[in-house]
PDB file of all heavy atoms in Angstrom:
ATOM      1  N   GLY A   1     104.041  82.450  86.893  1.00  0.00           N
ATOM      2  CA  GLY A   1     104.750  81.245  87.261  1.00  0.00           C
ATOM      3  C   GLY A   1     104.279  80.667  88.535  1.00  0.00           C
ATOM      4  O   GLY A   1     104.658  79.523  88.870  1.00  0.00           O
ATOM      5  N   SER A   2     103.440  81.356  89.279  1.00  0.00           N
ATOM      6  CA  SER A   2     102.868  80.858  90.528  1.00  0.00           C
ATOM      7  C   SER A   2     101.350  80.746  90.405  1.00  0.00           C
ATOM      8  O   SER A   2     100.629  81.762  90.290  1.00  0.00           O
ATOM      9  CB  SER A   2     103.199  81.776  91.676  1.00  0.00           C
ATOM     10  OG  SER A   2     102.415  81.470  92.821  1.00  0.00           O
ATOM     11  N   GLU A   3     100.827  79.544  90.478  1.00  0.00           N
ATOM     12  CA  GLU A   3      99.405  79.371  90.424  1.00  0.00           C
ATOM     13  C   GLU A   3      98.697  80.018  91.634  1.00  0.00           C
ATOM     14  O   GLU A   3      97.624  80.575  91.474  1.00  0.00           O
ATOM     15  CB  GLU A   3      99.108  77.854  90.380  1.00  0.00           C
ATOM     16  CG  GLU A   3      97.629  77.490  90.236  1.00  0.00           C
ATOM     17  CD  GLU A   3      97.375  76.008  90.103  1.00  0.00           C
ATOM     18  OE1 GLU A   3      98.330  75.263  89.799  1.00  0.00           O
ATOM     19  OE2 GLU A   3      96.213  75.593  90.365  1.00  0.00           O
ATOM     20  N   LYS A   4      99.317  79.877  92.805  1.00  0.00           N
ATOM     21  CA  LYS A   4      98.662  80.401  93.991  1.00  0.00           C
ATOM     22  C   LYS A   4      98.659  81.947  94.003  1.00  0.00           C
ATOM     23  O   LYS A   4      97.649  82.519  94.406  1.00  0.00           O
ATOM     24  CB  LYS A   4      99.385  79.852  95.220  1.00  0.00           C
ATOM     25  CG  LYS A   4      99.118  78.350  95.424  1.00  0.00           C
ATOM     26  CD  LYS A   4      99.812  77.827  96.684  1.00  0.00           C
ATOM     27  CE  LYS A   4      99.508  76.316  96.853  1.00  0.00           C
ATOM     28  NZ  LYS A   4     100.167  75.790  98.060  1.00  0.00           N
ATOM     29  N   VAL A   5      99.764  82.569  93.662  1.00  0.00           N
ATOM     30  CA  VAL A   5      99.814  84.041  93.664  1.00  0.00           C
ATOM     31  C   VAL A   5      98.861  84.552  92.561  1.00  0.00           C
ATOM     32  O   VAL A   5      98.137  85.541  92.786  1.00  0.00           O
ATOM     33  CB  VAL A   5     101.258  84.525  93.459  1.00  0.00           C
ATOM     34  CG1 VAL A   5     101.266  86.032  93.261  1.00  0.00           C
ATOM     35  CG2 VAL A   5     102.114  84.153  94.665  1.00  0.00           C
ATOM     36  N   SER A   6      98.860  83.916  91.404  1.00  0.00           N
ATOM     37  CA  SER A   6      97.974  84.316  90.366  1.00  0.00           C
ATOM     38  C   SER A   6      96.499  84.227  90.787  1.00  0.00           C
ATOM     39  O   SER A   6      95.675  85.140  90.536  1.00  0.00           O
ATOM     40  CB  SER A   6      98.132  83.447  89.107  1.00  0.00           C
ATOM     41  OG  SER A   6      99.410  83.611  88.542  1.00  0.00           O
ATOM     42  N   ASN A   7      96.159  83.093  91.439  1.00  0.00           N
ATOM     43  CA  ASN A   7      94.787  82.959  91.956  1.00  0.00           C
ATOM     44  C   ASN A   7      94.419  84.022  92.992  1.00  0.00           C
ATOM     45  O   ASN A   7      93.291  84.495  93.029  1.00  0.00           O
ATOM     46  CB  ASN A   7      94.640  81.533  92.540  1.00  0.00           C
ATOM     47  CG  ASN A   7      93.162  81.267  92.954  1.00  0.00           C
ATOM     48  OD1 ASN A   7      92.293  81.269  92.082  1.00  0.00           O
ATOM     49  ND2 ASN A   7      92.919  81.031  94.205  1.00  0.00           N
ATOM     50  N   PHE A   8      95.400  84.414  93.810  1.00  0.00           N
ATOM     51  CA  PHE A   8      95.185  85.468  94.780  1.00  0.00           C
ATOM     52  C   PHE A   8      94.778  86.769  94.089  1.00  0.00           C
ATOM     53  O   PHE A   8      93.812  87.464  94.480  1.00  0.00           O
ATOM     54  CB  PHE A   8      96.443  85.677  95.599  1.00  0.00           C
ATOM     55  CG  PHE A   8      96.247  86.647  96.762  1.00  0.00           C
ATOM     56  CD1 PHE A   8      95.810  86.231  97.985  1.00  0.00           C
ATOM     57  CD2 PHE A   8      96.605  87.973  96.593  1.00  0.00           C
ATOM     58  CE1 PHE A   8      95.635  87.128  99.018  1.00  0.00           C
ATOM     59  CE2 PHE A   8      96.471  88.864  97.640  1.00  0.00           C
ATOM     60  CZ  PHE A   8      96.000  88.430  98.872  1.00  0.00           C
ATOM     61  N   PHE A   9      95.530  87.117  93.013  1.00  0.00           N
ATOM     62  CA  PHE A   9      95.235  88.364  92.245  1.00  0.00           C
ATOM     63  C   PHE A   9      93.937  88.293  91.532  1.00  0.00           C
ATOM     64  O   PHE A   9      93.130  89.213  91.518  1.00  0.00           O
ATOM     65  CB  PHE A   9      96.357  88.574  91.241  1.00  0.00           C
ATOM     66  CG  PHE A   9      97.520  89.431  91.777  1.00  0.00           C
ATOM     67  CD1 PHE A   9      98.363  88.944  92.761  1.00  0.00           C
ATOM     68  CD2 PHE A   9      97.693  90.744  91.342  1.00  0.00           C
ATOM     69  CE1 PHE A   9      99.406  89.697  93.229  1.00  0.00           C
ATOM     70  CE2 PHE A   9      98.764  91.475  91.772  1.00  0.00           C
ATOM     71  CZ  PHE A   9      99.612  91.026  92.744  1.00  0.00           C
ATOM     72  N   TYR A  10      93.699  87.171  90.840  1.00  0.00           N
ATOM     73  CA  TYR A  10      92.596  87.098  89.840  1.00  0.00           C
ATOM     74  C   TYR A  10      91.270  86.595  90.429  1.00  0.00           C
ATOM     75  O   TYR A  10      90.207  86.783  89.791  1.00  0.00           O
ATOM     76  CB  TYR A  10      93.009  86.200  88.679  1.00  0.00           C
ATOM     77  CG  TYR A  10      94.233  86.653  87.943  1.00  0.00           C
ATOM     78  CD1 TYR A  10      95.206  85.776  87.544  1.00  0.00           C
ATOM     79  CD2 TYR A  10      94.466  88.042  87.667  1.00  0.00           C
ATOM     80  CE1 TYR A  10      96.368  86.194  86.863  1.00  0.00           C
ATOM     81  CE2 TYR A  10      95.594  88.465  87.011  1.00  0.00           C
ATOM     82  CZ  TYR A  10      96.557  87.557  86.627  1.00  0.00           C
ATOM     83  OH  TYR A  10      97.668  87.940  85.977  1.00  0.00           O
ATOM     84  N   ASN A  11      91.317  85.901  91.555  1.00  0.00           N
ATOM     85  CA  ASN A  11      90.060  85.284  92.077  1.00  0.00           C
ATOM     86  C   ASN A  11      89.869  85.484  93.539  1.00  0.00           C
ATOM     87  O   ASN A  11      88.790  85.862  94.001  1.00  0.00           O
ATOM     88  CB  ASN A  11      90.063  83.777  91.781  1.00  0.00           C
ATOM     89  CG  ASN A  11      90.109  83.467  90.286  1.00  0.00           C
ATOM     90  OD1 ASN A  11      89.215  83.860  89.578  1.00  0.00           O
ATOM     91  ND2 ASN A  11      91.118  82.739  89.850  1.00  0.00           N
ATOM     92  N   GLU A  12      90.856  85.160  94.345  1.00  0.00           N
ATOM     93  CA  GLU A  12      90.685  85.060  95.798  1.00  0.00           C
ATOM     94  C   GLU A  12      90.240  86.330  96.516  1.00  0.00           C
ATOM     95  O   GLU A  12      89.468  86.313  97.444  1.00  0.00           O
ATOM     96  CB  GLU A  12      91.958  84.522  96.417  1.00  0.00           C
ATOM     97  CG  GLU A  12      91.789  84.075  97.867  1.00  0.00           C
ATOM     98  CD  GLU A  12      93.087  83.439  98.406  1.00  0.00           C
ATOM     99  OE1 GLU A  12      93.704  82.653  97.685  1.00  0.00           O
ATOM    100  OE2 GLU A  12      93.402  83.747  99.538  1.00  0.00           O
ATOM    101  N   THR A  13      90.719  87.487  96.016  1.00  0.00           N
ATOM    102  CA  THR A  13      90.387  88.754  96.717  1.00  0.00           C
ATOM    103  C   THR A  13      88.976  89.205  96.425  1.00  0.00           C
ATOM    104  O   THR A  13      88.518  90.191  97.033  1.00  0.00           O
ATOM    105  CB  THR A  13      91.368  89.846  96.248  1.00  0.00           C
ATOM    106  OG1 THR A  13      91.404  89.953  94.855  1.00  0.00           O
ATOM    107  CG2 THR A  13      92.797  89.605  96.796  1.00  0.00           C
ATOM    108  N   ARG A  14      88.283  88.484  95.579  1.00  0.00           N
ATOM    109  CA  ARG A  14      86.870  88.839  95.340  1.00  0.00           C
ATOM    110  C   ARG A  14      86.072  88.731  96.622  1.00  0.00           C
ATOM    111  O   ARG A  14      85.233  89.543  96.954  1.00  0.00           O
ATOM    112  CB  ARG A  14      86.237  87.928  94.292  1.00  0.00           C
ATOM    113  CG  ARG A  14      84.833  88.395  93.829  1.00  0.00           C
ATOM    114  CD  ARG A  14      84.193  87.471  92.822  1.00  0.00           C
ATOM    115  NE  ARG A  14      84.983  87.319  91.641  1.00  0.00           N
ATOM    116  CZ  ARG A  14      84.990  88.188  90.648  1.00  0.00           C
ATOM    117  NH1 ARG A  14      84.279  89.264  90.717  1.00  0.00           N
ATOM    118  NH2 ARG A  14      85.744  87.947  89.540  1.00  0.00           N
ATOM    119  N   GLU A  15      86.367  87.681  97.370  1.00  0.00           N
ATOM    120  CA  GLU A  15      85.637  87.461  98.644  1.00  0.00           C
ATOM    121  C   GLU A  15      86.140  88.423  99.733  1.00  0.00           C
ATOM    122  O   GLU A  15      85.345  88.952 100.461  1.00  0.00           O
ATOM    123  CB  GLU A  15      85.814  86.044  99.114  1.00  0.00           C
ATOM    124  CG  GLU A  15      85.041  85.687 100.367  1.00  0.00           C
ATOM    125  CD  GLU A  15      85.138  84.215 100.765  1.00  0.00           C
ATOM    126  OE1 GLU A  15      85.608  83.444  99.889  1.00  0.00           O
ATOM    127  OE2 GLU A  15      84.728  83.873 101.903  1.00  0.00           O
ATOM    128  N   SER A  16      87.441  88.561  99.851  1.00  0.00           N
ATOM    129  CA  SER A  16      87.989  89.419 100.970  1.00  0.00           C
ATOM    130  C   SER A  16      87.874  90.876 100.705  1.00  0.00           C
ATOM    131  O   SER A  16      87.589  91.671 101.661  1.00  0.00           O
ATOM    132  CB  SER A  16      89.459  89.038 101.187  1.00  0.00           C
ATOM    133  OG  SER A  16      90.226  89.208 100.078  1.00  0.00           O
ATOM    134  N   LEU A  17      88.095  91.360  99.479  1.00  0.00           N
ATOM    135  CA  LEU A  17      88.086  92.734  99.188  1.00  0.00           C
ATOM    136  C   LEU A  17      86.904  93.202  98.324  1.00  0.00           C
ATOM    137  O   LEU A  17      86.632  94.446  98.223  1.00  0.00           O
ATOM    138  CB  LEU A  17      89.373  93.169  98.413  1.00  0.00           C
ATOM    139  CG  LEU A  17      90.722  92.873  99.171  1.00  0.00           C
ATOM    140  CD1 LEU A  17      91.879  93.245  98.238  1.00  0.00           C
ATOM    141  CD2 LEU A  17      90.778  93.703 100.464  1.00  0.00           C
ATOM    142  N   GLY A  18      86.262  92.262  97.681  1.00  0.00           N
ATOM    143  CA  GLY A  18      85.180  92.601  96.822  1.00  0.00           C
ATOM    144  C   GLY A  18      85.614  92.961  95.401  1.00  0.00           C
ATOM    145  O   GLY A  18      84.861  93.556  94.636  1.00  0.00           O
ATOM    146  N   SER A  19      86.879  92.578  95.065  1.00  0.00           N
ATOM    147  CA  SER A  19      87.401  92.993  93.764  1.00  0.00           C
ATOM    148  C   SER A  19      88.490  92.044  93.343  1.00  0.00           C
ATOM    149  O   SER A  19      89.082  91.299  94.135  1.00  0.00           O
ATOM    150  CB  SER A  19      87.997  94.394  93.872  1.00  0.00           C
ATOM    151  OG  SER A  19      89.062  94.415  94.779  1.00  0.00           O
ATOM    152  N   VAL A  20      88.812  92.027  92.064  1.00  0.00           N
ATOM    153  CA  VAL A  20      89.868  91.236  91.470  1.00  0.00           C
ATOM    154  C   VAL A  20      90.587  91.996  90.369  1.00  0.00           C
ATOM    155  O   VAL A  20      90.131  93.056  89.950  1.00  0.00           O
ATOM    156  CB  VAL A  20      89.334  89.914  90.893  1.00  0.00           C
ATOM    157  CG1 VAL A  20      88.751  89.016  91.994  1.00  0.00           C
ATOM    158  CG2 VAL A  20      88.275  90.144  89.773  1.00  0.00           C
ATOM    159  N   MET A  21      91.721  91.429  89.956  1.00  0.00           N
ATOM    160  CA  MET A  21      92.417  91.935  88.753  1.00  0.00           C
ATOM    161  C   MET A  21      91.925  91.142  87.594  1.00  0.00           C
ATOM    162  O   MET A  21      91.890  89.906  87.658  1.00  0.00           O
ATOM    163  CB  MET A  21      93.955  91.839  88.959  1.00  0.00           C
ATOM    164  CG  MET A  21      94.707  92.149  87.686  1.00  0.00           C
ATOM    165  SD  MET A  21      96.550  91.980  87.878  1.00  0.00           S
ATOM    166  CE  MET A  21      96.975  93.663  88.399  1.00  0.00           C
ATOM    167  N   VAL A  22      91.668  91.816  86.439  1.00  0.00           N
ATOM    168  CA  VAL A  22      91.257  91.179  85.212  1.00  0.00           C
ATOM    169  C   VAL A  22      92.286  91.568  84.111  1.00  0.00           C
ATOM    170  O   VAL A  22      92.575  92.736  83.944  1.00  0.00           O
ATOM    171  CB  VAL A  22      89.853  91.605  84.770  1.00  0.00           C
ATOM    172  CG1 VAL A  22      89.472  90.955  83.403  1.00  0.00           C
ATOM    173  CG2 VAL A  22      88.810  91.252  85.856  1.00  0.00           C
ATOM    174  N   VAL A  23      92.831  90.547  83.425  1.00  0.00           N
ATOM    175  CA  VAL A  23      93.806  90.808  82.380  1.00  0.00           C
ATOM    176  C   VAL A  23      93.286  90.194  81.088  1.00  0.00           C
ATOM    177  O   VAL A  23      92.928  89.004  81.033  1.00  0.00           O
ATOM    178  CB  VAL A  23      95.186  90.227  82.717  1.00  0.00           C
ATOM    179  CG1 VAL A  23      96.159  90.461  81.556  1.00  0.00           C
ATOM    180  CG2 VAL A  23      95.737  90.840  83.985  1.00  0.00           C
ATOM    181  N   GLU A  24      93.245  90.960  80.009  1.00  0.00           N
ATOM    182  CA  GLU A  24      92.844  90.557  78.688  1.00  0.00           C
ATOM    183  C   GLU A  24      93.613  91.388  77.697  1.00  0.00           C
ATOM    184  O   GLU A  24      93.476  92.572  77.648  1.00  0.00           O
ATOM    185  CB  GLU A  24      91.330  90.752  78.526  1.00  0.00           C
ATOM    186  CG  GLU A  24      90.828  90.492  77.110  1.00  0.00           C
ATOM    187  CD  GLU A  24      91.213  89.170  76.491  1.00  0.00           C
ATOM    188  OE1 GLU A  24      90.888  88.136  77.103  1.00  0.00           O
ATOM    189  OE2 GLU A  24      91.940  89.192  75.463  1.00  0.00           O
ATOM    190  N   LYS A  25      94.426  90.723  76.886  1.00  0.00           N
ATOM    191  CA  LYS A  25      95.330  91.449  75.965  1.00  0.00           C
ATOM    192  C   LYS A  25      94.550  92.268  74.936  1.00  0.00           C
ATOM    193  O   LYS A  25      95.024  93.385  74.586  1.00  0.00           O
ATOM    194  CB  LYS A  25      96.248  90.455  75.274  1.00  0.00           C
ATOM    195  CG  LYS A  25      97.256  91.141  74.379  1.00  0.00           C
ATOM    196  CD  LYS A  25      98.277  90.166  73.794  1.00  0.00           C
ATOM    197  CE  LYS A  25      99.316  90.879  72.940  1.00  0.00           C
ATOM    198  NZ  LYS A  25     100.272  89.975  72.329  1.00  0.00           N
ATOM    199  N   ASP A  26      93.426  91.794  74.446  1.00  0.00           N
ATOM    200  CA  ASP A  26      92.652  92.524  73.436  1.00  0.00           C
ATOM    201  C   ASP A  26      91.840  93.603  74.136  1.00  0.00           C
ATOM    202  O   ASP A  26      90.943  93.292  74.968  1.00  0.00           O
ATOM    203  CB  ASP A  26      91.710  91.502  72.724  1.00  0.00           C
ATOM    204  CG  ASP A  26      90.957  92.157  71.581  1.00  0.00           C
ATOM    205  OD1 ASP A  26      90.805  93.406  71.551  1.00  0.00           O
ATOM    206  OD2 ASP A  26      90.507  91.414  70.690  1.00  0.00           O
ATOM    207  N   PRO A  27      92.076  94.905  73.792  1.00  0.00           N
ATOM    208  CA  PRO A  27      91.362  95.968  74.524  1.00  0.00           C
ATOM    209  C   PRO A  27      89.858  95.996  74.267  1.00  0.00           C
ATOM    210  O   PRO A  27      89.099  96.423  75.111  1.00  0.00           O
ATOM    211  CB  PRO A  27      92.058  97.259  73.983  1.00  0.00           C
ATOM    212  CG  PRO A  27      92.669  96.846  72.686  1.00  0.00           C
ATOM    213  CD  PRO A  27      93.076  95.444  72.875  1.00  0.00           C
ATOM    214  N   VAL A  28      89.442  95.477  73.095  1.00  0.00           N
ATOM    215  CA  VAL A  28      88.021  95.381  72.837  1.00  0.00           C
ATOM    216  C   VAL A  28      87.369  94.358  73.777  1.00  0.00           C
ATOM    217  O   VAL A  28      86.316  94.663  74.364  1.00  0.00           O
ATOM    218  CB  VAL A  28      87.763  94.965  71.356  1.00  0.00           C
ATOM    219  CG1 VAL A  28      86.263  94.731  71.126  1.00  0.00           C
ATOM    220  CG2 VAL A  28      88.261  96.033  70.412  1.00  0.00           C
ATOM    221  N   VAL A  29      87.993  93.244  73.950  1.00  0.00           N
ATOM    222  CA  VAL A  29      87.488  92.214  74.862  1.00  0.00           C
ATOM    223  C   VAL A  29      87.562  92.727  76.319  1.00  0.00           C
ATOM    224  O   VAL A  29      86.664  92.523  77.112  1.00  0.00           O
ATOM    225  CB  VAL A  29      88.277  90.916  74.715  1.00  0.00           C
ATOM    226  CG1 VAL A  29      87.779  89.847  75.722  1.00  0.00           C
ATOM    227  CG2 VAL A  29      88.120  90.346  73.342  1.00  0.00           C
ATOM    228  N   LEU A  30      88.635  93.482  76.637  1.00  0.00           N
ATOM    229  CA  LEU A  30      88.792  94.039  77.991  1.00  0.00           C
ATOM    230  C   LEU A  30      87.609  95.015  78.269  1.00  0.00           C
ATOM    231  O   LEU A  30      87.034  95.001  79.374  1.00  0.00           O
ATOM    232  CB  LEU A  30      90.112  94.759  78.151  1.00  0.00           C
ATOM    233  CG  LEU A  30      90.442  95.231  79.555  1.00  0.00           C
ATOM    234  CD1 LEU A  30      90.671  94.063  80.496  1.00  0.00           C
ATOM    235  CD2 LEU A  30      91.663  96.120  79.553  1.00  0.00           C
ATOM    236  N   ALA A  31      87.283  95.849  77.304  1.00  0.00           N
ATOM    237  CA  ALA A  31      86.165  96.807  77.441  1.00  0.00           C
ATOM    238  C   ALA A  31      84.882  96.013  77.692  1.00  0.00           C
ATOM    239  O   ALA A  31      84.035  96.432  78.542  1.00  0.00           O
ATOM    240  CB  ALA A  31      86.051  97.677  76.201  1.00  0.00           C
ATOM    241  N   GLU A  32      84.697  94.934  76.994  1.00  0.00           N
ATOM    242  CA  GLU A  32      83.472  94.089  77.182  1.00  0.00           C
ATOM    243  C   GLU A  32      83.408  93.496  78.603  1.00  0.00           C
ATOM    244  O   GLU A  32      82.401  93.391  79.226  1.00  0.00           O
ATOM    245  CB  GLU A  32      83.428  93.023  76.160  1.00  0.00           C
ATOM    246  CG  GLU A  32      83.137  93.520  74.742  1.00  0.00           C
ATOM    247  CD  GLU A  32      83.353  92.466  73.650  1.00  0.00           C
ATOM    248  OE1 GLU A  32      83.813  91.318  74.016  1.00  0.00           O
ATOM    249  OE2 GLU A  32      83.076  92.762  72.461  1.00  0.00           O
ATOM    250  N   CYS A  33      84.600  93.120  79.129  1.00  0.00           N
ATOM    251  CA  CYS A  33      84.668  92.653  80.508  1.00  0.00           C
ATOM    252  C   CYS A  33      84.233  93.740  81.508  1.00  0.00           C
ATOM    253  O   CYS A  33      83.507  93.449  82.467  1.00  0.00           O
ATOM    254  CB  CYS A  33      86.108  92.206  80.876  1.00  0.00           C
ATOM    255  SG  CYS A  33      86.643  90.712  80.025  1.00  0.00           S
TER     256      CYS A  33
END
């Protein structure tokens, strides 16, 4: 429900921490990620 908090989790921490959270409901697609 929050665009900014979602962006923090999924994109923004790539620069500060070197990592992000990735969510994909299909486990086959998640494995490919």
